[in-house]
Amino acid sequence: MPQVASKKLLQEITGIFARQLAETFVDCWQTRASLGAEWSKLRQDLTVRHLNRLGRRLQHLGEPPELKLDFTASAQRSEADLLKSALKSEAALINLLRMAIPQLHACRDWGSEDLVKMLLHEREELVQQIETDSDPILEHLWDDEGLSMSPQSIH
């Protein structure tokens, strides 16, 4: 009788463990799919912003009409706003990647964890480069719009 109870208990534990393992496996794949979709969307958004900025710059410079495209999505936004938006998107992606690392570690998906760490490092470097480069760019934009803070313009 004790052997039957022990065997039954072992089966229950094995069943619970199998269900938990299956749930963890499903969670890991859903996390990976979610990360992939979010990463793809953010990359597309960043590409669209870059194209919008390039298109508006071409229009501003008066390039031939065949080079002009319709960039109505961001026509009302300044380049400073677009830069701020790009930095917000990058910050959201960085937070998403940081949150995914412990989940992938718990799933023991070392390959995906390494990939996410690499992407995180790449995005952090990109944000740092954007922030480093943005000061002169914003200063130039302010000069273009007559908003310079140079001593000559303050009287």
N, C-alpha and C. Protein backbone atom coordinates (compact mmCIF):
# COMPACT_ATOMS: atom_id res chain seq x y z
N MET A 1 0.81 -1.20 0.00
CA MET A 1 0.00 0.00 0.00
C MET A 1 0.86 1.27 0.00
N PRO A 2 1.90 1.32 0.85
CA PRO A 2 2.74 2.52 0.82
C PRO A 2 3.41 2.73 -0.53
N GLN A 3 3.75 1.63 -1.23
CA GLN A 3 4.39 1.77 -2.53
C GLN A 3 3.43 2.38 -3.54
N VAL A 4 2.15 2.00 -3.48
CA VAL A 4 1.15 2.55 -4.38
C VAL A 4 0.98 4.04 -4.13
N ALA A 5 0.91 4.42 -2.85
CA ALA A 5 0.78 5.84 -2.51
C ALA A 5 2.01 6.61 -2.95
N SER A 6 3.17 6.02 -2.75
CA SER A 6 4.41 6.67 -3.16
C SER A 6 4.47 6.83 -4.67
N LYS A 7 4.04 5.79 -5.38
CA LYS A 7 4.04 5.85 -6.85
C LYS A 7 3.05 6.90 -7.33
N LYS A 8 1.89 6.96 -6.68
CA LYS A 8 0.87 7.95 -7.06
C LYS A 8 1.39 9.37 -6.80
N LEU A 9 2.02 9.58 -5.67
CA LEU A 9 2.59 10.88 -5.33
C LEU A 9 3.67 11.27 -6.35
N LEU A 10 4.51 10.31 -6.71
CA LEU A 10 5.55 10.56 -7.70
C LEU A 10 4.94 10.94 -9.05
N GLN A 11 3.86 10.28 -9.43
CA GLN A 11 3.18 10.62 -10.68
C GLN A 11 2.61 12.03 -10.62
N GLU A 12 2.01 12.38 -9.48
CA GLU A 12 1.46 13.74 -9.33
C GLU A 12 2.56 14.79 -9.43
N ILE A 13 3.67 14.54 -8.73
CA ILE A 13 4.79 15.49 -8.78
C ILE A 13 5.33 15.60 -10.20
N THR A 14 5.47 14.47 -10.86
CA THR A 14 5.96 14.47 -12.24
C THR A 14 5.00 15.24 -13.14
N GLY A 15 3.70 15.04 -12.94
CA GLY A 15 2.70 15.77 -13.73
C GLY A 15 2.77 17.27 -13.50
N ILE A 16 2.90 17.66 -12.23
CA ILE A 16 3.02 19.09 -11.90
C ILE A 16 4.28 19.66 -12.53
N PHE A 17 5.39 18.92 -12.39
CA PHE A 17 6.64 19.40 -12.96
C PHE A 17 6.53 19.52 -14.48
N ALA A 18 5.91 18.55 -15.11
CA ALA A 18 5.76 18.59 -16.57
C ALA A 18 4.91 19.79 -16.99
N ARG A 19 3.82 20.06 -16.25
CA ARG A 19 2.97 21.22 -16.58
C ARG A 19 3.75 22.52 -16.41
N GLN A 20 4.49 22.63 -15.30
CA GLN A 20 5.27 23.84 -15.06
C GLN A 20 6.34 24.02 -16.14
N LEU A 21 6.96 22.94 -16.52
CA LEU A 21 7.98 23.01 -17.56
C LEU A 21 7.35 23.44 -18.89
N ALA A 22 6.19 22.89 -19.20
CA ALA A 22 5.50 23.26 -20.44
C ALA A 22 5.09 24.73 -20.40
N GLU A 23 4.57 25.19 -19.25
CA GLU A 23 4.18 26.60 -19.13
C GLU A 23 5.39 27.52 -19.28
N THR A 24 6.50 27.14 -18.67
CA THR A 24 7.73 27.93 -18.78
C THR A 24 8.19 27.99 -20.23
N PHE A 25 8.13 26.85 -20.90
CA PHE A 25 8.53 26.79 -22.30
C PHE A 25 7.66 27.71 -23.15
N VAL A 26 6.34 27.67 -22.93
CA VAL A 26 5.42 28.53 -23.67
C VAL A 26 5.69 29.99 -23.35
N ASP A 27 5.90 30.31 -22.07
CA ASP A 27 6.21 31.69 -21.68
C ASP A 27 7.47 32.18 -22.37
N CYS A 28 8.49 31.33 -22.42
CA CYS A 28 9.75 31.73 -23.07
C CYS A 28 9.53 32.03 -24.55
N TRP A 29 8.79 31.18 -25.23
CA TRP A 29 8.56 31.42 -26.66
C TRP A 29 7.68 32.64 -26.88
N GLN A 30 6.70 32.86 -26.00
CA GLN A 30 5.88 34.06 -26.13
C GLN A 30 6.71 35.31 -25.89
N THR A 31 7.62 35.24 -24.92
CA THR A 31 8.52 36.37 -24.66
C THR A 31 9.38 36.65 -25.87
N ARG A 32 9.94 35.60 -26.44
CA ARG A 32 10.79 35.77 -27.63
C ARG A 32 9.99 36.36 -28.79
N ALA A 33 8.78 35.86 -29.00
CA ALA A 33 7.95 36.38 -30.09
C ALA A 33 7.59 37.83 -29.84
N SER A 34 7.25 38.15 -28.60
CA SER A 34 6.90 39.53 -28.26
C SER A 34 8.09 40.45 -28.46
N LEU A 35 9.27 40.02 -28.01
CA LEU A 35 10.47 40.83 -28.21
C LEU A 35 10.76 41.03 -29.69
N GLY A 36 10.62 39.96 -30.46
CA GLY A 36 10.88 40.07 -31.90
C GLY A 36 9.93 41.05 -32.56
N ALA A 37 8.65 40.97 -32.22
CA ALA A 37 7.67 41.88 -32.81
C ALA A 37 7.92 43.32 -32.38
N GLU A 38 8.21 43.52 -31.10
CA GLU A 38 8.46 44.88 -30.60
C GLU A 38 9.73 45.45 -31.22
N TRP A 39 10.76 44.63 -31.32
CA TRP A 39 12.03 45.07 -31.92
C TRP A 39 11.80 45.47 -33.37
N SER A 40 11.06 44.66 -34.10
CA SER A 40 10.79 44.96 -35.51
C SER A 40 10.00 46.25 -35.64
N LYS A 41 8.98 46.44 -34.79
CA LYS A 41 8.16 47.65 -34.85
C LYS A 41 9.00 48.89 -34.54
N LEU A 42 9.84 48.82 -33.50
CA LEU A 42 10.65 49.97 -33.14
C LEU A 42 11.68 50.29 -34.22
N ARG A 43 12.23 49.26 -34.85
CA ARG A 43 13.17 49.52 -35.95
C ARG A 43 12.46 50.18 -37.12
N GLN A 44 11.24 49.73 -37.42
CA GLN A 44 10.47 50.36 -38.50
C GLN A 44 10.15 51.80 -38.15
N ASP A 45 9.74 52.06 -36.91
CA ASP A 45 9.42 53.42 -36.48
C ASP A 45 10.64 54.32 -36.62
N LEU A 46 11.80 53.82 -36.21
CA LEU A 46 13.02 54.62 -36.30
C LEU A 46 13.36 54.90 -37.76
N THR A 47 13.20 53.91 -38.63
CA THR A 47 13.46 54.10 -40.05
C THR A 47 12.51 55.13 -40.63
N VAL A 48 11.24 55.07 -40.27
CA VAL A 48 10.26 56.05 -40.77
C VAL A 48 10.64 57.45 -40.31
N ARG A 49 11.04 57.58 -39.05
CA ARG A 49 11.46 58.90 -38.56
C ARG A 49 12.66 59.43 -39.33
N HIS A 50 13.62 58.56 -39.61
CA HIS A 50 14.79 59.00 -40.36
C HIS A 50 14.39 59.42 -41.77
N LEU A 51 13.50 58.65 -42.40
CA LEU A 51 13.03 59.02 -43.74
C LEU A 51 12.26 60.33 -43.71
N ASN A 52 11.43 60.51 -42.69
CA ASN A 52 10.69 61.77 -42.57
C ASN A 52 11.64 62.95 -42.43
N ARG A 53 12.65 62.79 -41.59
CA ARG A 53 13.62 63.86 -41.38
C ARG A 53 14.37 64.16 -42.68
N LEU A 54 14.79 63.12 -43.36
CA LEU A 54 15.50 63.30 -44.63
C LEU A 54 14.60 63.97 -45.66
N GLY A 55 13.35 63.53 -45.74
CA GLY A 55 12.42 64.12 -46.70
C GLY A 55 12.17 65.59 -46.43
N ARG A 56 11.98 65.94 -45.16
CA ARG A 56 11.76 67.35 -44.84
C ARG A 56 13.00 68.18 -45.12
N ARG A 57 14.17 67.61 -44.87
CA ARG A 57 15.41 68.33 -45.15
C ARG A 57 15.56 68.55 -46.65
N LEU A 58 15.23 67.53 -47.45
CA LEU A 58 15.29 67.68 -48.91
C LEU A 58 14.31 68.75 -49.37
N GLN A 59 13.11 68.74 -48.81
CA GLN A 59 12.12 69.75 -49.18
C GLN A 59 12.60 71.14 -48.78
N HIS A 60 13.20 71.25 -47.61
CA HIS A 60 13.71 72.53 -47.12
C HIS A 60 14.82 73.06 -48.03
N LEU A 61 15.65 72.15 -48.50
CA LEU A 61 16.77 72.55 -49.36
C LEU A 61 16.34 72.83 -50.79
N GLY A 62 15.09 72.56 -51.12
CA GLY A 62 14.57 72.85 -52.45
C GLY A 62 15.09 71.91 -53.52
N GLU A 63 15.23 70.64 -53.19
CA GLU A 63 15.67 69.67 -54.18
C GLU A 63 14.60 69.52 -55.26
N PRO A 64 14.97 68.95 -56.40
CA PRO A 64 13.99 68.75 -57.47
C PRO A 64 12.78 67.95 -56.99
N PRO A 65 11.60 68.23 -57.56
CA PRO A 65 10.36 67.58 -57.10
C PRO A 65 10.42 66.06 -57.09
N GLU A 66 11.16 65.44 -58.02
CA GLU A 66 11.18 63.98 -58.05
C GLU A 66 11.85 63.39 -56.81
N LEU A 67 12.64 64.18 -56.10
CA LEU A 67 13.27 63.70 -54.88
C LEU A 67 12.40 63.95 -53.65
N LYS A 68 11.36 64.75 -53.82
CA LYS A 68 10.50 65.06 -52.68
C LYS A 68 9.47 63.95 -52.50
N LEU A 69 9.25 63.59 -51.26
CA LEU A 69 8.26 62.57 -50.94
C LEU A 69 7.22 63.17 -50.02
N ASP A 70 6.12 62.48 -49.85
CA ASP A 70 5.07 62.97 -48.96
C ASP A 70 5.39 62.52 -47.53
N PHE A 71 5.73 63.47 -46.69
CA PHE A 71 6.08 63.16 -45.31
C PHE A 71 5.08 63.85 -44.38
N THR A 72 3.81 63.63 -44.62
CA THR A 72 2.77 64.32 -43.86
C THR A 72 2.69 63.87 -42.41
N ALA A 73 3.15 62.66 -42.11
CA ALA A 73 3.02 62.14 -40.75
C ALA A 73 3.72 63.02 -39.72
N SER A 74 4.82 63.62 -40.11
CA SER A 74 5.56 64.43 -39.14
C SER A 74 5.73 65.87 -39.61
N ALA A 75 4.86 66.31 -40.51
CA ALA A 75 5.01 67.65 -41.08
C ALA A 75 4.88 68.74 -40.02
N GLN A 76 4.12 68.48 -38.97
CA GLN A 76 3.89 69.49 -37.93
C GLN A 76 4.91 69.41 -36.80
N ARG A 77 5.86 68.49 -36.90
CA ARG A 77 6.81 68.29 -35.81
C ARG A 77 8.19 68.81 -36.21
N SER A 78 8.84 69.47 -35.29
CA SER A 78 10.19 69.98 -35.55
C SER A 78 11.19 68.83 -35.47
N GLU A 79 12.39 69.08 -35.97
CA GLU A 79 13.41 68.04 -35.89
C GLU A 79 13.79 67.77 -34.44
N ALA A 80 13.72 68.79 -33.60
CA ALA A 80 14.01 68.59 -32.18
C ALA A 80 12.98 67.64 -31.56
N ASP A 81 11.69 67.79 -31.96
CA ASP A 81 10.65 66.88 -31.47
C ASP A 81 10.89 65.46 -31.96
N LEU A 82 11.30 65.33 -33.23
CA LEU A 82 11.58 64.01 -33.77
C LEU A 82 12.75 63.35 -33.05
N LEU A 83 13.77 64.15 -32.73
CA LEU A 83 14.92 63.62 -32.00
C LEU A 83 14.48 63.15 -30.61
N LYS A 84 13.66 63.95 -29.95
CA LYS A 84 13.15 63.59 -28.63
C LYS A 84 12.33 62.30 -28.72
N SER A 85 11.51 62.19 -29.75
CA SER A 85 10.70 61.00 -29.95
C SER A 85 11.58 59.77 -30.20
N ALA A 86 12.64 59.96 -31.00
CA ALA A 86 13.55 58.85 -31.27
C ALA A 86 14.22 58.38 -29.99
N LEU A 87 14.62 59.32 -29.14
CA LEU A 87 15.25 58.95 -27.87
C LEU A 87 14.27 58.24 -26.95
N LYS A 88 12.99 58.66 -26.96
CA LYS A 88 11.98 57.99 -26.14
C LYS A 88 11.78 56.55 -26.62
N SER A 89 11.73 56.36 -27.94
CA SER A 89 11.57 55.01 -28.49
C SER A 89 12.75 54.13 -28.12
N GLU A 90 13.95 54.69 -28.22
CA GLU A 90 15.14 53.93 -27.85
C GLU A 90 15.11 53.57 -26.37
N ALA A 91 14.68 54.51 -25.52
CA ALA A 91 14.60 54.24 -24.08
C ALA A 91 13.59 53.12 -23.80
N ALA A 92 12.47 53.13 -24.53
CA ALA A 92 11.46 52.07 -24.36
C ALA A 92 12.04 50.72 -24.77
N LEU A 93 12.77 50.70 -25.88
CA LEU A 93 13.38 49.45 -26.33
C LEU A 93 14.42 48.96 -25.33
N ILE A 94 15.24 49.86 -24.82
CA ILE A 94 16.26 49.48 -23.84
C ILE A 94 15.60 48.90 -22.59
N ASN A 95 14.53 49.51 -22.11
CA ASN A 95 13.81 48.97 -20.94
C ASN A 95 13.24 47.60 -21.23
N LEU A 96 12.68 47.42 -22.42
CA LEU A 96 12.13 46.12 -22.81
C LEU A 96 13.23 45.06 -22.83
N LEU A 97 14.37 45.40 -23.39
CA LEU A 97 15.48 44.45 -23.45
C LEU A 97 15.98 44.11 -22.04
N ARG A 98 16.08 45.12 -21.19
CA ARG A 98 16.54 44.87 -19.81
C ARG A 98 15.58 43.94 -19.06
N MET A 99 14.28 44.12 -19.28
CA MET A 99 13.29 43.27 -18.61
C MET A 99 13.33 41.84 -19.15
N ALA A 100 13.71 41.68 -20.41
CA ALA A 100 13.70 40.36 -21.03
C ALA A 100 14.86 39.49 -20.56
N ILE A 101 15.98 40.11 -20.20
CA ILE A 101 17.17 39.34 -19.84
C ILE A 101 16.91 38.37 -18.68
N PRO A 102 16.32 38.81 -17.55
CA PRO A 102 16.07 37.85 -16.47
C PRO A 102 15.08 36.75 -16.87
N GLN A 103 14.10 37.10 -17.71
CA GLN A 103 13.14 36.09 -18.15
C GLN A 103 13.82 35.03 -18.99
N LEU A 104 14.67 35.46 -19.92
CA LEU A 104 15.38 34.50 -20.76
C LEU A 104 16.37 33.69 -19.93
N HIS A 105 16.97 34.33 -18.94
CA HIS A 105 17.90 33.61 -18.05
C HIS A 105 17.15 32.53 -17.29
N ALA A 106 15.96 32.87 -16.79
CA ALA A 106 15.15 31.89 -16.07
C ALA A 106 14.74 30.73 -16.98
N CYS A 107 14.55 31.02 -18.25
CA CYS A 107 14.19 29.98 -19.22
C CYS A 107 15.40 29.17 -19.67
N ARG A 108 16.57 29.63 -19.28
CA ARG A 108 17.83 29.00 -19.67
C ARG A 108 18.02 29.00 -21.18
N ASP A 109 17.55 30.07 -21.78
CA ASP A 109 17.70 30.26 -23.23
C ASP A 109 18.93 31.14 -23.43
N TRP A 110 20.10 30.52 -23.31
CA TRP A 110 21.35 31.27 -23.29
C TRP A 110 21.60 32.01 -24.61
N GLY A 111 21.26 31.38 -25.72
CA GLY A 111 21.49 32.02 -27.02
C GLY A 111 20.68 33.30 -27.16
N SER A 112 19.41 33.24 -26.79
CA SER A 112 18.56 34.44 -26.87
C SER A 112 19.01 35.48 -25.86
N GLU A 113 19.42 35.02 -24.67
CA GLU A 113 19.89 35.96 -23.66
C GLU A 113 21.13 36.71 -24.16
N ASP A 114 22.06 35.99 -24.77
CA ASP A 114 23.26 36.65 -25.31
C ASP A 114 22.90 37.63 -26.42
N LEU A 115 21.94 37.24 -27.26
CA LEU A 115 21.51 38.13 -28.35
C LEU A 115 20.88 39.40 -27.78
N VAL A 116 20.03 39.25 -26.78
CA VAL A 116 19.38 40.42 -26.17
C VAL A 116 20.41 41.31 -25.50
N LYS A 117 21.40 40.71 -24.82
CA LYS A 117 22.46 41.51 -24.20
C LYS A 117 23.24 42.29 -25.26
N MET A 118 23.51 41.64 -26.40
CA MET A 118 24.22 42.31 -27.48
C MET A 118 23.38 43.47 -28.03
N LEU A 119 22.08 43.23 -28.24
CA LEU A 119 21.20 44.29 -28.72
C LEU A 119 21.11 45.43 -27.72
N LEU A 120 21.04 45.10 -26.44
CA LEU A 120 20.99 46.12 -25.39
C LEU A 120 22.23 47.00 -25.44
N HIS A 121 23.39 46.37 -25.54
CA HIS A 121 24.64 47.12 -25.61
C HIS A 121 24.66 48.03 -26.84
N GLU A 122 24.20 47.49 -27.97
CA GLU A 122 24.16 48.25 -29.23
C GLU A 122 23.24 49.47 -29.10
N ARG A 123 22.06 49.27 -28.52
CA ARG A 123 21.10 50.37 -28.40
C ARG A 123 21.60 51.42 -27.40
N GLU A 124 22.23 50.98 -26.31
CA GLU A 124 22.77 51.94 -25.34
C GLU A 124 23.87 52.79 -25.98
N GLU A 125 24.70 52.17 -26.81
CA GLU A 125 25.74 52.93 -27.51
C GLU A 125 25.11 53.91 -28.50
N LEU A 126 24.04 53.48 -29.18
CA LEU A 126 23.36 54.36 -30.13
C LEU A 126 22.79 55.58 -29.42
N VAL A 127 22.13 55.37 -28.29
CA VAL A 127 21.56 56.50 -27.54
C VAL A 127 22.66 57.44 -27.08
N GLN A 128 23.76 56.88 -26.61
CA GLN A 128 24.88 57.72 -26.18
C GLN A 128 25.41 58.54 -27.35
N GLN A 129 25.51 57.92 -28.52
CA GLN A 129 25.99 58.64 -29.71
C GLN A 129 25.00 59.72 -30.13
N ILE A 130 23.70 59.41 -30.08
CA ILE A 130 22.69 60.41 -30.43
C ILE A 130 22.77 61.59 -29.48
N GLU A 131 22.89 61.30 -28.18
CA GLU A 131 22.97 62.38 -27.20
C GLU A 131 24.23 63.22 -27.40
N THR A 132 25.35 62.57 -27.74
CA THR A 132 26.59 63.29 -27.98
C THR A 132 26.48 64.17 -29.21
N ASP A 133 25.85 63.64 -30.25
CA ASP A 133 25.73 64.38 -31.51
C ASP A 133 24.61 65.40 -31.51
N SER A 134 23.63 65.25 -30.61
CA SER A 134 22.43 66.10 -30.69
C SER A 134 22.67 67.53 -30.26
N ASP A 135 23.60 67.79 -29.37
CA ASP A 135 23.82 69.16 -28.92
C ASP A 135 24.16 70.10 -30.08
N PRO A 136 25.16 69.78 -30.92
CA PRO A 136 25.44 70.67 -32.05
C PRO A 136 24.29 70.73 -33.05
N ILE A 137 23.59 69.61 -33.24
CA ILE A 137 22.47 69.59 -34.19
C ILE A 137 21.37 70.52 -33.70
N LEU A 138 21.01 70.40 -32.43
CA LEU A 138 19.96 71.26 -31.89
C LEU A 138 20.39 72.72 -31.91
N GLU A 139 21.66 72.97 -31.62
CA GLU A 139 22.16 74.35 -31.68
C GLU A 139 22.01 74.91 -33.09
N HIS A 140 22.33 74.08 -34.09
CA HIS A 140 22.18 74.50 -35.49
C HIS A 140 20.71 74.77 -35.82
N LEU A 141 19.81 73.90 -35.34
CA LEU A 141 18.38 74.10 -35.60
C LEU A 141 17.89 75.38 -34.95
N TRP A 142 18.34 75.65 -33.74
CA TRP A 142 17.93 76.88 -33.07
C TRP A 142 18.44 78.09 -33.83
N ASP A 143 19.67 78.02 -34.35
CA ASP A 143 20.21 79.12 -35.16
C ASP A 143 19.35 79.33 -36.40
N ASP A 144 18.94 78.23 -37.05
CA ASP A 144 18.09 78.32 -38.25
C ASP A 144 16.77 79.01 -37.94
N GLU A 145 16.25 78.80 -36.74
CA GLU A 145 14.95 79.36 -36.38
C GLU A 145 15.08 80.68 -35.62
N GLY A 146 16.28 81.24 -35.55
CA GLY A 146 16.49 82.51 -34.87
C GLY A 146 16.40 82.41 -33.36
N LEU A 147 16.65 81.24 -32.82
CA LEU A 147 16.54 81.04 -31.38
C LEU A 147 17.90 80.85 -30.72
N SER A 148 18.93 81.33 -31.36
CA SER A 148 20.28 81.13 -30.86
C SER A 148 20.47 81.80 -29.50
N MET A 149 21.24 81.17 -28.66
CA MET A 149 21.56 81.73 -27.35
C MET A 149 22.97 82.33 -27.35
N SER A 150 23.51 82.58 -28.54
CA SER A 150 24.86 83.16 -28.60
C SER A 150 24.82 84.59 -28.08
N PRO A 151 25.94 85.09 -27.53
CA PRO A 151 25.97 86.44 -26.96
C PRO A 151 25.62 87.53 -27.98
N GLN A 152 25.92 87.32 -29.27
CA GLN A 152 25.62 88.33 -30.28
C GLN A 152 24.11 88.52 -30.47
N SER A 153 23.34 87.46 -30.25
CA SER A 153 21.89 87.56 -30.50
C SER A 153 21.11 88.03 -29.28
N ILE A 154 21.77 88.15 -28.14
CA ILE A 154 21.07 88.57 -26.92
C ILE A 154 21.40 90.03 -26.66
N HIS A 155 20.45 90.91 -26.91
CA HIS A 155 20.62 92.36 -26.66
C HIS A 155 19.32 92.95 -26.18
